[in-house]
Amino acid sequence: MTALPNPETVVVISAFALIYMLVLLRKTLQGRFDLYDFLMLSMVAIIPASFTLFPTLAYLVSHLTGVVFPFVVMFGALFLVVFAFMHNMTARLHRLERQNCALIQEQSLLALELQAKQNGQSSG
């Protein structure tokens, strides 16, 4: 037997999910987030909302995974989302670091080339 959530919980979780998703959507449309970020960050609202609004599904998932309490499965799913998001952010950070090093090296070579041309013009 599944316990139904009380109406106050449903209202609070639904309001949070709706407002959070609208803020994420606005930032995505403004170009501040890409689609991957939107999807991963929206899971922070979708997973708790689905466990709250559909308690039968939550108990089914917990039963299938062999976990006694559905909220443990929910936090596990949220942990996986955070892990995937952090993995992606780390990969982006390393890619930007490599690009930054390449740009610094290129700028240094261009500065040396410009200095050599200026020295050649002043002596000739």
PDB file of N, CA and C in Angstrom:
ATOM      1  N   MET A   1       0.846  -1.184   0.000  1.00  0.00           N
ATOM      2  CA  MET A   1       0.000   0.000   0.000  1.00  0.00           C
ATOM      3  C   MET A   1       0.889   1.246   0.000  1.00  0.00           C
ATOM      4  N   THR A   2       0.545   2.169  -0.868  1.00  0.00           N
ATOM      5  CA  THR A   2       1.321   3.395  -0.974  1.00  0.00           C
ATOM      6  C   THR A   2       0.607   4.529  -0.262  1.00  0.00           C
ATOM      7  N   ALA A   3       1.385   5.319   0.446  1.00  0.00           N
ATOM      8  CA  ALA A   3       0.822   6.474   1.129  1.00  0.00           C
ATOM      9  C   ALA A   3       0.795   7.649   0.164  1.00  0.00           C
ATOM     10  N   LEU A   4      -0.337   8.316   0.104  1.00  0.00           N
ATOM     11  CA  LEU A   4      -0.456   9.478  -0.764  1.00  0.00           C
ATOM     12  C   LEU A   4       0.132  10.695  -0.067  1.00  0.00           C
ATOM     13  N   PRO A   5       0.817  11.534  -0.800  1.00  0.00           N
ATOM     14  CA  PRO A   5       1.373  12.746  -0.183  1.00  0.00           C
ATOM     15  C   PRO A   5       0.254  13.718   0.178  1.00  0.00           C
ATOM     16  N   ASN A   6       0.484  14.505   1.213  1.00  0.00           N
ATOM     17  CA  ASN A   6      -0.554  15.472   1.575  1.00  0.00           C
ATOM     18  C   ASN A   6      -0.566  16.620   0.555  1.00  0.00           C
ATOM     19  N   PRO A   7      -1.679  17.312   0.453  1.00  0.00           N
ATOM     20  CA  PRO A   7      -1.823  18.359  -0.572  1.00  0.00           C
ATOM     21  C   PRO A   7      -0.789  19.480  -0.452  1.00  0.00           C
ATOM     22  N   GLU A   8      -0.391  19.828   0.775  1.00  0.00           N
ATOM     23  CA  GLU A   8       0.596  20.885   0.955  1.00  0.00           C
ATOM     24  C   GLU A   8       1.937  20.510   0.318  1.00  0.00           C
ATOM     25  N   THR A   9       2.331  19.257   0.489  1.00  0.00           N
ATOM     26  CA  THR A   9       3.577  18.783  -0.101  1.00  0.00           C
ATOM     27  C   THR A   9       3.511  18.839  -1.611  1.00  0.00           C
ATOM     28  N   VAL A  10       2.383  18.410  -2.166  1.00  0.00           N
ATOM     29  CA  VAL A  10       2.205  18.427  -3.620  1.00  0.00           C
ATOM     30  C   VAL A  10       2.284  19.859  -4.145  1.00  0.00           C
ATOM     31  N   VAL A  11       1.659  20.807  -3.453  1.00  0.00           N
ATOM     32  CA  VAL A  11       1.671  22.202  -3.885  1.00  0.00           C
ATOM     33  C   VAL A  11       3.080  22.774  -3.828  1.00  0.00           C
ATOM     34  N   VAL A  12       3.795  22.533  -2.733  1.00  0.00           N
ATOM     35  CA  VAL A  12       5.144  23.087  -2.576  1.00  0.00           C
ATOM     36  C   VAL A  12       6.091  22.505  -3.622  1.00  0.00           C
ATOM     37  N   ILE A  13       6.082  21.195  -3.782  1.00  0.00           N
ATOM     38  CA  ILE A  13       6.969  20.552  -4.758  1.00  0.00           C
ATOM     39  C   ILE A  13       6.613  20.985  -6.175  1.00  0.00           C
ATOM     40  N   SER A  14       5.328  21.067  -6.485  1.00  0.00           N
ATOM     41  CA  SER A  14       4.902  21.479  -7.827  1.00  0.00           C
ATOM     42  C   SER A  14       5.283  22.934  -8.104  1.00  0.00           C
ATOM     43  N   ALA A  15       5.090  23.807  -7.118  1.00  0.00           N
ATOM     44  CA  ALA A  15       5.451  25.217  -7.298  1.00  0.00           C
ATOM     45  C   ALA A  15       6.956  25.358  -7.498  1.00  0.00           C
ATOM     46  N   PHE A  16       7.743  24.650  -6.692  1.00  0.00           N
ATOM     47  CA  PHE A  16       9.193  24.704  -6.862  1.00  0.00           C
ATOM     48  C   PHE A  16       9.588  24.231  -8.258  1.00  0.00           C
ATOM     49  N   ALA A  17       9.042  23.085  -8.670  1.00  0.00           N
ATOM     50  CA  ALA A  17       9.401  22.522  -9.976  1.00  0.00           C
ATOM     51  C   ALA A  17       9.024  23.477 -11.099  1.00  0.00           C
ATOM     52  N   LEU A  18       7.849  24.058 -11.025  1.00  0.00           N
ATOM     53  CA  LEU A  18       7.392  24.959 -12.081  1.00  0.00           C
ATOM     54  C   LEU A  18       8.257  26.221 -12.150  1.00  0.00           C
ATOM     55  N   ILE A  19       8.479  26.854 -11.017  1.00  0.00           N
ATOM     56  CA  ILE A  19       9.278  28.086 -11.006  1.00  0.00           C
ATOM     57  C   ILE A  19      10.716  27.800 -11.431  1.00  0.00           C
ATOM     58  N   TYR A  20      11.291  26.741 -10.906  1.00  0.00           N
ATOM     59  CA  TYR A  20      12.672  26.381 -11.244  1.00  0.00           C
ATOM     60  C   TYR A  20      12.809  26.081 -12.732  1.00  0.00           C
ATOM     61  N   MET A  21      11.861  25.334 -13.286  1.00  0.00           N
ATOM     62  CA  MET A  21      11.917  24.995 -14.714  1.00  0.00           C
ATOM     63  C   MET A  21      11.750  26.243 -15.582  1.00  0.00           C
ATOM     64  N   LEU A  22      10.897  27.173 -15.165  1.00  0.00           N
ATOM     65  CA  LEU A  22      10.731  28.407 -15.938  1.00  0.00           C
ATOM     66  C   LEU A  22      12.000  29.255 -15.917  1.00  0.00           C
ATOM     67  N   VAL A  23      12.667  29.319 -14.762  1.00  0.00           N
ATOM     68  CA  VAL A  23      13.928  30.065 -14.676  1.00  0.00           C
ATOM     69  C   VAL A  23      14.978  29.412 -15.563  1.00  0.00           C
ATOM     70  N   LEU A  24      15.079  28.089 -15.508  1.00  0.00           N
ATOM     71  CA  LEU A  24      16.036  27.381 -16.363  1.00  0.00           C
ATOM     72  C   LEU A  24      15.734  27.591 -17.841  1.00  0.00           C
ATOM     73  N   LEU A  25      14.452  27.534 -18.193  1.00  0.00           N
ATOM     74  CA  LEU A  25      14.061  27.727 -19.594  1.00  0.00           C
ATOM     75  C   LEU A  25      14.423  29.126 -20.069  1.00  0.00           C
ATOM     76  N   ARG A  26      14.166  30.128 -19.233  1.00  0.00           N
ATOM     77  CA  ARG A  26      14.518  31.504 -19.606  1.00  0.00           C
ATOM     78  C   ARG A  26      16.024  31.656 -19.824  1.00  0.00           C
ATOM     79  N   LYS A  27      16.813  31.087 -18.925  1.00  0.00           N
ATOM     80  CA  LYS A  27      18.268  31.179 -19.068  1.00  0.00           C
ATOM     81  C   LYS A  27      18.756  30.404 -20.291  1.00  0.00           C
ATOM     82  N   THR A  28      18.100  29.309 -20.607  1.00  0.00           N
ATOM     83  CA  THR A  28      18.470  28.544 -21.796  1.00  0.00           C
ATOM     84  C   THR A  28      18.137  29.324 -23.055  1.00  0.00           C
ATOM     85  N   LEU A  29      16.968  29.948 -23.084  1.00  0.00           N
ATOM     86  CA  LEU A  29      16.589  30.742 -24.251  1.00  0.00           C
ATOM     87  C   LEU A  29      17.470  31.975 -24.416  1.00  0.00           C
ATOM     88  N   GLN A  30      18.004  32.494 -23.318  1.00  0.00           N
ATOM     89  CA  GLN A  30      18.920  33.637 -23.377  1.00  0.00           C
ATOM     90  C   GLN A  30      20.331  33.218 -23.778  1.00  0.00           C
ATOM     91  N   GLY A  31      20.578  31.917 -23.856  1.00  0.00           N
ATOM     92  CA  GLY A  31      21.892  31.432 -24.245  1.00  0.00           C
ATOM     93  C   GLY A  31      22.864  31.285 -23.093  1.00  0.00           C
ATOM     94  N   ARG A  32      22.398  31.417 -21.875  1.00  0.00           N
ATOM     95  CA  ARG A  32      23.279  31.285 -20.713  1.00  0.00           C
ATOM     96  C   ARG A  32      23.513  29.822 -20.354  1.00  0.00           C
ATOM     97  N   PHE A  33      22.600  28.938 -20.751  1.00  0.00           N
ATOM     98  CA  PHE A  33      22.746  27.490 -20.585  1.00  0.00           C
ATOM     99  C   PHE A  33      22.574  26.854 -21.947  1.00  0.00           C
ATOM    100  N   ASP A  34      23.232  25.710 -22.156  1.00  0.00           N
ATOM    101  CA  ASP A  34      22.947  24.957 -23.366  1.00  0.00           C
ATOM    102  C   ASP A  34      21.900  23.893 -23.042  1.00  0.00           C
ATOM    103  N   LEU A  35      21.516  23.129 -24.046  1.00  0.00           N
ATOM    104  CA  LEU A  35      20.441  22.153 -23.858  1.00  0.00           C
ATOM    105  C   LEU A  35      20.834  21.076 -22.846  1.00  0.00           C
ATOM    106  N   TYR A  36      22.084  20.644 -22.873  1.00  0.00           N
ATOM    107  CA  TYR A  36      22.541  19.628 -21.920  1.00  0.00           C
ATOM    108  C   TYR A  36      22.405  20.151 -20.484  1.00  0.00           C
ATOM    109  N   ASP A  37      22.851  21.381 -20.249  1.00  0.00           N
ATOM    110  CA  ASP A  37      22.729  21.963 -18.911  1.00  0.00           C
ATOM    111  C   ASP A  37      21.267  22.058 -18.490  1.00  0.00           C
ATOM    112  N   PHE A  38      20.420  22.475 -19.426  1.00  0.00           N
ATOM    113  CA  PHE A  38      18.990  22.574 -19.126  1.00  0.00           C
ATOM    114  C   PHE A  38      18.432  21.220 -18.704  1.00  0.00           C
ATOM    115  N   LEU A  39      18.755  20.176 -19.462  1.00  0.00           N
ATOM    116  CA  LEU A  39      18.225  18.852 -19.140  1.00  0.00           C
ATOM    117  C   LEU A  39      18.751  18.325 -17.806  1.00  0.00           C
ATOM    118  N   MET A  40      20.040  18.491 -17.582  1.00  0.00           N
ATOM    119  CA  MET A  40      20.609  17.976 -16.335  1.00  0.00           C
ATOM    120  C   MET A  40      20.100  18.758 -15.123  1.00  0.00           C
ATOM    121  N   LEU A  41      20.061  20.072 -15.223  1.00  0.00           N
ATOM    122  CA  LEU A  41      19.597  20.872 -14.088  1.00  0.00           C
ATOM    123  C   LEU A  41      18.093  20.711 -13.854  1.00  0.00           C
ATOM    124  N   SER A  42      17.340  20.446 -14.906  1.00  0.00           N
ATOM    125  CA  SER A  42      15.903  20.256 -14.726  1.00  0.00           C
ATOM    126  C   SER A  42      15.599  18.963 -13.979  1.00  0.00           C
ATOM    127  N   MET A  43      16.518  18.017 -14.007  1.00  0.00           N
ATOM    128  CA  MET A  43      16.306  16.771 -13.257  1.00  0.00           C
ATOM    129  C   MET A  43      16.202  17.030 -11.760  1.00  0.00           C
ATOM    130  N   VAL A  44      16.807  18.126 -11.300  1.00  0.00           N
ATOM    131  CA  VAL A  44      16.726  18.476  -9.876  1.00  0.00           C
ATOM    132  C   VAL A  44      15.281  18.767  -9.484  1.00  0.00           C
ATOM    133  N   ALA A  45      14.465  19.209 -10.427  1.00  0.00           N
ATOM    134  CA  ALA A  45      13.050  19.456 -10.150  1.00  0.00           C
ATOM    135  C   ALA A  45      12.180  18.274 -10.558  1.00  0.00           C
ATOM    136  N   ILE A  46      12.527  17.628 -11.662  1.00  0.00           N
ATOM    137  CA  ILE A  46      11.675  16.563 -12.199  1.00  0.00           C
ATOM    138  C   ILE A  46      11.679  15.316 -11.316  1.00  0.00           C
ATOM    139  N   ILE A  47      12.853  14.918 -10.831  1.00  0.00           N
ATOM    140  CA  ILE A  47      12.925  13.685 -10.033  1.00  0.00           C
ATOM    141  C   ILE A  47      12.130  13.799  -8.734  1.00  0.00           C
ATOM    142  N   PRO A  48      12.332  14.837  -7.902  1.00  0.00           N
ATOM    143  CA  PRO A  48      11.503  14.920  -6.691  1.00  0.00           C
ATOM    144  C   PRO A  48      10.014  15.097  -6.997  1.00  0.00           C
ATOM    145  N   ALA A  49       9.710  15.849  -8.058  1.00  0.00           N
ATOM    146  CA  ALA A  49       8.295  16.031  -8.406  1.00  0.00           C
ATOM    147  C   ALA A  49       7.661  14.711  -8.818  1.00  0.00           C
ATOM    148  N   SER A  50       8.379  13.908  -9.594  1.00  0.00           N
ATOM    149  CA  SER A  50       7.808  12.627 -10.023  1.00  0.00           C
ATOM    150  C   SER A  50       7.631  11.680  -8.836  1.00  0.00           C
ATOM    151  N   PHE A  51       8.565  11.692  -7.898  1.00  0.00           N
ATOM    152  CA  PHE A  51       8.425  10.843  -6.717  1.00  0.00           C
ATOM    153  C   PHE A  51       7.295  11.320  -5.813  1.00  0.00           C
ATOM    154  N   THR A  52       7.024  12.622  -5.807  1.00  0.00           N
ATOM    155  CA  THR A  52       5.954  13.157  -4.967  1.00  0.00           C
ATOM    156  C   THR A  52       4.596  13.009  -5.632  1.00  0.00           C
ATOM    157  N   LEU A  53       4.526  13.348  -6.905  1.00  0.00           N
ATOM    158  CA  LEU A  53       3.243  13.329  -7.601  1.00  0.00           C
ATOM    159  C   LEU A  53       2.789  11.923  -7.988  1.00  0.00           C
ATOM    160  N   PHE A  54       3.732  11.006  -8.128  1.00  0.00           N
ATOM    161  CA  PHE A  54       3.410   9.631  -8.509  1.00  0.00           C
ATOM    162  C   PHE A  54       4.020   8.654  -7.509  1.00  0.00           C
ATOM    163  N   PRO A  55       3.442   8.575  -6.303  1.00  0.00           N
ATOM    164  CA  PRO A  55       4.035   7.714  -5.268  1.00  0.00           C
ATOM    165  C   PRO A  55       4.026   6.235  -5.643  1.00  0.00           C
ATOM    166  N   THR A  56       3.066   5.808  -6.442  1.00  0.00           N
ATOM    167  CA  THR A  56       3.041   4.408  -6.865  1.00  0.00           C
ATOM    168  C   THR A  56       4.266   4.084  -7.706  1.00  0.00           C
ATOM    169  N   LEU A  57       4.638   5.005  -8.589  1.00  0.00           N
ATOM    170  CA  LEU A  57       5.842   4.833  -9.392  1.00  0.00           C
ATOM    171  C   LEU A  57       7.079   4.804  -8.504  1.00  0.00           C
ATOM    172  N   ALA A  58       7.106   5.657  -7.495  1.00  0.00           N
ATOM    173  CA  ALA A  58       8.248   5.695  -6.579  1.00  0.00           C
ATOM    174  C   ALA A  58       8.404   4.364  -5.849  1.00  0.00           C
ATOM    175  N   TYR A  59       7.295   3.806  -5.373  1.00  0.00           N
ATOM    176  CA  TYR A  59       7.368   2.522  -4.678  1.00  0.00           C
ATOM    177  C   TYR A  59       7.720   1.392  -5.640  1.00  0.00           C
ATOM    178  N   LEU A  60       7.252   1.473  -6.868  1.00  0.00           N
ATOM    179  CA  LEU A  60       7.597   0.461  -7.866  1.00  0.00           C
ATOM    180  C   LEU A  60       9.095   0.481  -8.156  1.00  0.00           C
ATOM    181  N   VAL A  61       9.652   1.680  -8.353  1.00  0.00           N
ATOM    182  CA  VAL A  61      11.084   1.801  -8.622  1.00  0.00           C
ATOM    183  C   VAL A  61      11.888   1.308  -7.418  1.00  0.00           C
ATOM    184  N   SER A  62      11.459   1.647  -6.218  1.00  0.00           N
ATOM    185  CA  SER A  62      12.195   1.197  -5.032  1.00  0.00           C
ATOM    186  C   SER A  62      12.097  -0.320  -4.884  1.00  0.00           C
ATOM    187  N   HIS A  63      10.951  -0.883  -5.223  1.00  0.00           N
ATOM    188  CA  HIS A  63      10.793  -2.342  -5.154  1.00  0.00           C
ATOM    189  C   HIS A  63      11.680  -3.026  -6.202  1.00  0.00           C
ATOM    190  N   LEU A  64      11.720  -2.477  -7.416  1.00  0.00           N
ATOM    191  CA  LEU A  64      12.537  -3.065  -8.483  1.00  0.00           C
ATOM    192  C   LEU A  64      14.031  -2.989  -8.181  1.00  0.00           C
ATOM    193  N   THR A  65      14.437  -1.946  -7.485  1.00  0.00           N
ATOM    194  CA  THR A  65      15.854  -1.805  -7.150  1.00  0.00           C
ATOM    195  C   THR A  65      16.221  -2.495  -5.836  1.00  0.00           C
ATOM    196  N   GLY A  66      15.232  -2.957  -5.110  1.00  0.00           N
ATOM    197  CA  GLY A  66      15.493  -3.654  -3.856  1.00  0.00           C
ATOM    198  C   GLY A  66      15.776  -2.733  -2.691  1.00  0.00           C
ATOM    199  N   VAL A  67      15.366  -1.490  -2.806  1.00  0.00           N
ATOM    200  CA  VAL A  67      15.577  -0.512  -1.754  1.00  0.00           C
ATOM    201  C   VAL A  67      14.260  -0.346  -1.000  1.00  0.00           C
ATOM    202  N   VAL A  68      14.338  -0.290   0.321  1.00  0.00           N
ATOM    203  CA  VAL A  68      13.123  -0.242   1.130  1.00  0.00           C
ATOM    204  C   VAL A  68      12.410   1.097   1.014  1.00  0.00           C
ATOM    205  N   PHE A  69      13.158   2.186   1.058  1.00  0.00           N
ATOM    206  CA  PHE A  69      12.551   3.507   1.080  1.00  0.00           C
ATOM    207  C   PHE A  69      12.722   4.204  -0.268  1.00  0.00           C
ATOM    208  N   PRO A  70      11.638   4.689  -0.866  1.00  0.00           N
ATOM    209  CA  PRO A  70      11.739   5.354  -2.168  1.00  0.00           C
ATOM    210  C   PRO A  70      12.609   6.604  -2.162  1.00  0.00           C
ATOM    211  N   PHE A  71      12.653   7.319  -1.036  1.00  0.00           N
ATOM    212  CA  PHE A  71      13.459   8.540  -1.026  1.00  0.00           C
ATOM    213  C   PHE A  71      14.956   8.234  -1.174  1.00  0.00           C
ATOM    214  N   VAL A  72      15.381   7.030  -0.789  1.00  0.00           N
ATOM    215  CA  VAL A  72      16.777   6.639  -0.980  1.00  0.00           C
ATOM    216  C   VAL A  72      17.063   6.503  -2.476  1.00  0.00           C
ATOM    217  N   VAL A  73      16.126   5.932  -3.209  1.00  0.00           N
ATOM    218  CA  VAL A  73      16.270   5.819  -4.663  1.00  0.00           C
ATOM    219  C   VAL A  73      16.283   7.214  -5.288  1.00  0.00           C
ATOM    220  N   MET A  74      15.403   8.096  -4.798  1.00  0.00           N
ATOM    221  CA  MET A  74      15.344   9.456  -5.335  1.00  0.00           C
ATOM    222  C   MET A  74      16.672  10.175  -5.127  1.00  0.00           C
ATOM    223  N   PHE A  75      17.231  10.106  -3.925  1.00  0.00           N
ATOM    224  CA  PHE A  75      18.508  10.771  -3.667  1.00  0.00           C
ATOM    225  C   PHE A  75      19.644  10.110  -4.450  1.00  0.00           C
ATOM    226  N   GLY A  76      19.556   8.812  -4.648  1.00  0.00           N
ATOM    227  CA  GLY A  76      20.543   8.134  -5.485  1.00  0.00           C
ATOM    228  C   GLY A  76      20.478   8.632  -6.920  1.00  0.00           C
ATOM    229  N   ALA A  77      19.265   8.803  -7.439  1.00  0.00           N
ATOM    230  CA  ALA A  77      19.095   9.324  -8.804  1.00  0.00           C
ATOM    231  C   ALA A  77      19.606  10.763  -8.890  1.00  0.00           C
ATOM    232  N   LEU A  78      19.312  11.557  -7.870  1.00  0.00           N
ATOM    233  CA  LEU A  78      19.823  12.932  -7.857  1.00  0.00           C
ATOM    234  C   LEU A  78      21.345  12.956  -7.780  1.00  0.00           C
ATOM    235  N   PHE A  79      21.928  12.032  -7.026  1.00  0.00           N
ATOM    236  CA  PHE A  79      23.384  11.936  -6.951  1.00  0.00           C
ATOM    237  C   PHE A  79      23.970  11.609  -8.319  1.00  0.00           C
ATOM    238  N   LEU A  80      23.337  10.691  -9.047  1.00  0.00           N
ATOM    239  CA  LEU A  80      23.811  10.356 -10.396  1.00  0.00           C
ATOM    240  C   LEU A  80      23.725  11.552 -11.331  1.00  0.00           C
ATOM    241  N   VAL A  81      22.666  12.332 -11.215  1.00  0.00           N
ATOM    242  CA  VAL A  81      22.520  13.527 -12.041  1.00  0.00           C
ATOM    243  C   VAL A  81      23.632  14.523 -11.728  1.00  0.00           C
ATOM    244  N   VAL A  82      23.885  14.749 -10.439  1.00  0.00           N
ATOM    245  CA  VAL A  82      24.940  15.681 -10.042  1.00  0.00           C
ATOM    246  C   VAL A  82      26.303  15.167 -10.513  1.00  0.00           C
ATOM    247  N   PHE A  83      26.539  13.868 -10.391  1.00  0.00           N
ATOM    248  CA  PHE A  83      27.798  13.294 -10.846  1.00  0.00           C
ATOM    249  C   PHE A  83      27.978  13.489 -12.349  1.00  0.00           C
ATOM    250  N   ALA A  84      26.947  13.213 -13.129  1.00  0.00           N
ATOM    251  CA  ALA A  84      27.035  13.392 -14.584  1.00  0.00           C
ATOM    252  C   ALA A  84      27.264  14.859 -14.940  1.00  0.00           C
ATOM    253  N   PHE A  85      26.569  15.758 -14.247  1.00  0.00           N
ATOM    254  CA  PHE A  85      26.734  17.191 -14.506  1.00  0.00           C
ATOM    255  C   PHE A  85      28.153  17.635 -14.168  1.00  0.00           C
ATOM    256  N   MET A  86      28.672  17.205 -13.034  1.00  0.00           N
ATOM    257  CA  MET A  86      30.030  17.588 -12.630  1.00  0.00           C
ATOM    258  C   MET A  86      31.073  16.990 -13.580  1.00  0.00           C
ATOM    259  N   HIS A  87      30.835  15.778 -14.056  1.00  0.00           N
ATOM    260  CA  HIS A  87      31.743  15.162 -15.020  1.00  0.00           C
ATOM    261  C   HIS A  87      31.801  15.999 -16.297  1.00  0.00           C
ATOM    262  N   ASN A  88      30.648  16.427 -16.768  1.00  0.00           N
ATOM    263  CA  ASN A  88      30.593  17.264 -17.973  1.00  0.00           C
ATOM    264  C   ASN A  88      31.281  18.602 -17.730  1.00  0.00           C
ATOM    265  N   MET A  89      31.043  19.206 -16.584  1.00  0.00           N
ATOM    266  CA  MET A  89      31.672  20.492 -16.279  1.00  0.00           C
ATOM    267  C   MET A  89      33.193  20.352 -16.185  1.00  0.00           C
ATOM    268  N   THR A  90      33.677  19.252 -15.631  1.00  0.00           N
ATOM    269  CA  THR A  90      35.113  19.025 -15.541  1.00  0.00           C
ATOM    270  C   THR A  90      35.713  18.875 -16.936  1.00  0.00           C
ATOM    271  N   ALA A  91      35.036  18.140 -17.800  1.00  0.00           N
ATOM    272  CA  ALA A  91      35.517  17.984 -19.175  1.00  0.00           C
ATOM    273  C   ALA A  91      35.554  19.333 -19.889  1.00  0.00           C
ATOM    274  N   ARG A  92      34.533  20.144 -19.703  1.00  0.00           N
ATOM    275  CA  ARG A  92      34.522  21.486 -20.304  1.00  0.00           C
ATOM    276  C   ARG A  92      35.658  22.351 -19.775  1.00  0.00           C
ATOM    277  N   LEU A  93      35.878  22.274 -18.481  1.00  0.00           N
ATOM    278  CA  LEU A  93      36.939  23.067 -17.863  1.00  0.00           C
ATOM    279  C   LEU A  93      38.306  22.691 -18.427  1.00  0.00           C
ATOM    280  N   HIS A  94      38.567  21.401 -18.570  1.00  0.00           N
ATOM    281  CA  HIS A  94      39.853  20.971 -19.112  1.00  0.00           C
ATOM    282  C   HIS A  94      40.001  21.376 -20.579  1.00  0.00           C
ATOM    283  N   ARG A  95      38.923  21.300 -21.347  1.00  0.00           N
ATOM    284  CA  ARG A  95      38.967  21.739 -22.748  1.00  0.00           C
ATOM    285  C   ARG A  95      39.260  23.233 -22.827  1.00  0.00           C
ATOM    286  N   LEU A  96      38.629  24.018 -21.981  1.00  0.00           N
ATOM    287  CA  LEU A  96      38.893  25.460 -21.968  1.00  0.00           C
ATOM    288  C   LEU A  96      40.324  25.766 -21.510  1.00  0.00           C
ATOM    289  N   GLU A  97      40.830  24.983 -20.575  1.00  0.00           N
ATOM    290  CA  GLU A  97      42.204  25.180 -20.115  1.00  0.00           C
ATOM    291  C   GLU A  97      43.197  24.910 -21.245  1.00  0.00           C
ATOM    292  N   ARG A  98      42.964  23.843 -22.015  1.00  0.00           N
ATOM    293  CA  ARG A  98      43.837  23.554 -23.160  1.00  0.00           C
ATOM    294  C   ARG A  98      43.750  24.661 -24.210  1.00  0.00           C
ATOM    295  N   GLN A  99      42.542  25.149 -24.478  1.00  0.00           N
ATOM    296  CA  GLN A  99      42.379  26.243 -25.436  1.00  0.00           C
ATOM    297  C   GLN A  99      43.076  27.505 -24.944  1.00  0.00           C
ATOM    298  N   ASN A 100      42.979  27.773 -23.656  1.00  0.00           N
ATOM    299  CA  ASN A 100      43.615  28.946 -23.068  1.00  0.00           C
ATOM    300  C   ASN A 100      45.133  28.866 -23.221  1.00  0.00           C
ATOM    301  N   CYS A 101      45.707  27.705 -22.946  1.00  0.00           N
ATOM    302  CA  CYS A 101      47.160  27.537 -23.111  1.00  0.00           C
ATOM    303  C   CYS A 101      47.567  27.740 -24.562  1.00  0.00           C
ATOM    304  N   ALA A 102      46.803  27.192 -25.500  1.00  0.00           N
ATOM    305  CA  ALA A 102      47.123  27.344 -26.921  1.00  0.00           C
ATOM    306  C   ALA A 102      47.041  28.812 -27.337  1.00  0.00           C
ATOM    307  N   LEU A 103      46.027  29.510 -26.847  1.00  0.00           N
ATOM    308  CA  LEU A 103      45.894  30.928 -27.188  1.00  0.00           C
ATOM    309  C   LEU A 103      47.029  31.766 -26.598  1.00  0.00           C
ATOM    310  N   ILE A 104      47.445  31.456 -25.389  1.00  0.00           N
ATOM    311  CA  ILE A 104      48.560  32.183 -24.773  1.00  0.00           C
ATOM    312  C   ILE A 104      49.839  31.943 -25.570  1.00  0.00           C
ATOM    313  N   GLN A 105      50.074  30.701 -25.961  1.00  0.00           N
ATOM    314  CA  GLN A 105      51.267  30.396 -26.757  1.00  0.00           C
ATOM    315  C   GLN A 105      51.215  31.116 -28.105  1.00  0.00           C
ATOM    316  N   GLU A 106      50.060  31.100 -28.741  1.00  0.00           N
ATOM    317  CA  GLU A 106      49.928  31.771 -30.036  1.00  0.00           C
ATOM    318  C   GLU A 106      50.133  33.277 -29.890  1.00  0.00           C
ATOM    319  N   GLN A 107      49.586  33.861 -28.850  1.00  0.00           N
ATOM    320  CA  GLN A 107      49.751  35.299 -28.611  1.00  0.00           C
ATOM    321  C   GLN A 107      51.212  35.632 -28.354  1.00  0.00           C
ATOM    322  N   SER A 108      51.912  34.775 -27.628  1.00  0.00           N
ATOM    323  CA  SER A 108      53.330  35.007 -27.367  1.00  0.00           C
ATOM    324  C   SER A 108      54.142  34.935 -28.656  1.00  0.00           C
ATOM    325  N   LEU A 109      53.842  33.957 -29.505  1.00  0.00           N
ATOM    326  CA  LEU A 109      54.551  33.848 -30.785  1.00  0.00           C
ATOM    327  C   LEU A 109      54.280  35.054 -31.679  1.00  0.00           C
ATOM    328  N   LEU A 110      53.032  35.517 -31.691  1.00  0.00           N
ATOM    329  CA  LEU A 110      52.702  36.701 -32.488  1.00  0.00           C
ATOM    330  C   LEU A 110      53.405  37.943 -31.952  1.00  0.00           C
ATOM    331  N   ALA A 111      53.510  38.060 -30.640  1.00  0.00           N
ATOM    332  CA  ALA A 111      54.207  39.201 -30.050  1.00  0.00           C
ATOM    333  C   ALA A 111      55.689  39.161 -30.412  1.00  0.00           C
ATOM    334  N   LEU A 112      56.298  37.969 -30.369  1.00  0.00           N
ATOM    335  CA  LEU A 112      57.708  37.848 -30.764  1.00  0.00           C
ATOM    336  C   LEU A 112      57.904  38.181 -32.238  1.00  0.00           C
ATOM    337  N   GLU A 113      56.983  37.723 -33.074  1.00  0.00           N
ATOM    338  CA  GLU A 113      57.062  38.014 -34.510  1.00  0.00           C
ATOM    339  C   GLU A 113      56.913  39.510 -34.771  1.00  0.00           C
ATOM    340  N   LEU A 114      55.980  40.141 -34.079  1.00  0.00           N
ATOM    341  CA  LEU A 114      55.788  41.592 -34.231  1.00  0.00           C
ATOM    342  C   LEU A 114      57.022  42.361 -33.753  1.00  0.00           C
ATOM    343  N   GLN A 115      57.587  41.914 -32.648  1.00  0.00           N
ATOM    344  CA  GLN A 115      58.790  42.569 -32.122  1.00  0.00           C
ATOM    345  C   GLN A 115      59.963  42.396 -33.102  1.00  0.00           C
ATOM    346  N   ALA A 116      60.079  41.213 -33.713  1.00  0.00           N
ATOM    347  CA  ALA A 116      61.154  40.979 -34.682  1.00  0.00           C
ATOM    348  C   ALA A 116      60.973  41.871 -35.908  1.00  0.00           C
ATOM    349  N   LYS A 117      59.738  42.040 -36.355  1.00  0.00           N
ATOM    350  CA  LYS A 117      59.478  42.922 -37.507  1.00  0.00           C
ATOM    351  C   LYS A 117      59.795  44.371 -37.158  1.00  0.00           C
ATOM    352  N   GLN A 118      59.425  44.798 -35.963  1.00  0.00           N
ATOM    353  CA  GLN A 118      59.704  46.157 -35.547  1.00  0.00           C
ATOM    354  C   GLN A 118      61.213  46.395 -35.421  1.00  0.00           C
ATOM    355  N   ASN A 119      61.929  45.421 -34.902  1.00  0.00           N
ATOM    356  CA  ASN A 119      63.389  45.535 -34.803  1.00  0.00           C
ATOM    357  C   ASN A 119      64.029  45.546 -36.193  1.00  0.00           C
ATOM    358  N   GLY A 120      63.470  44.783 -37.124  1.00  0.00           N
ATOM    359  CA  GLY A 120      63.984  44.776 -38.506  1.00  0.00           C
ATOM    360  C   GLY A 120      63.731  46.062 -39.212  1.00  0.00           C
ATOM    361  N   GLN A 121      62.608  46.703 -38.958  1.00  0.00           N
ATOM    362  CA  GLN A 121      62.290  47.988 -39.600  1.00  0.00           C
ATOM    363  C   GLN A 121      63.146  49.110 -39.023  1.00  0.00           C
ATOM    364  N   SER A 122      63.389  49.075 -37.725  1.00  0.00           N
ATOM    365  CA  SER A 122      64.149  50.157 -37.101  1.00  0.00           C
ATOM    366  C   SER A 122      65.636  50.084 -37.484  1.00  0.00           C
ATOM    367  N   SER A 123      66.156  48.892 -37.744  1.00  0.00           N
ATOM    368  CA  SER A 123      67.566  48.795 -38.125  1.00  0.00           C
ATOM    369  C   SER A 123      67.765  48.951 -39.627  1.00  0.00           C
ATOM    370  N   GLY A 124      66.716  48.780 -40.413  1.00  0.00           N
ATOM    371  CA  GLY A 124      66.865  48.860 -41.860  1.00  0.00           C
ATOM    372  C   GLY A 124      66.277  50.059 -42.432  1.00  0.00           C
TER     373      GLY A 124
END
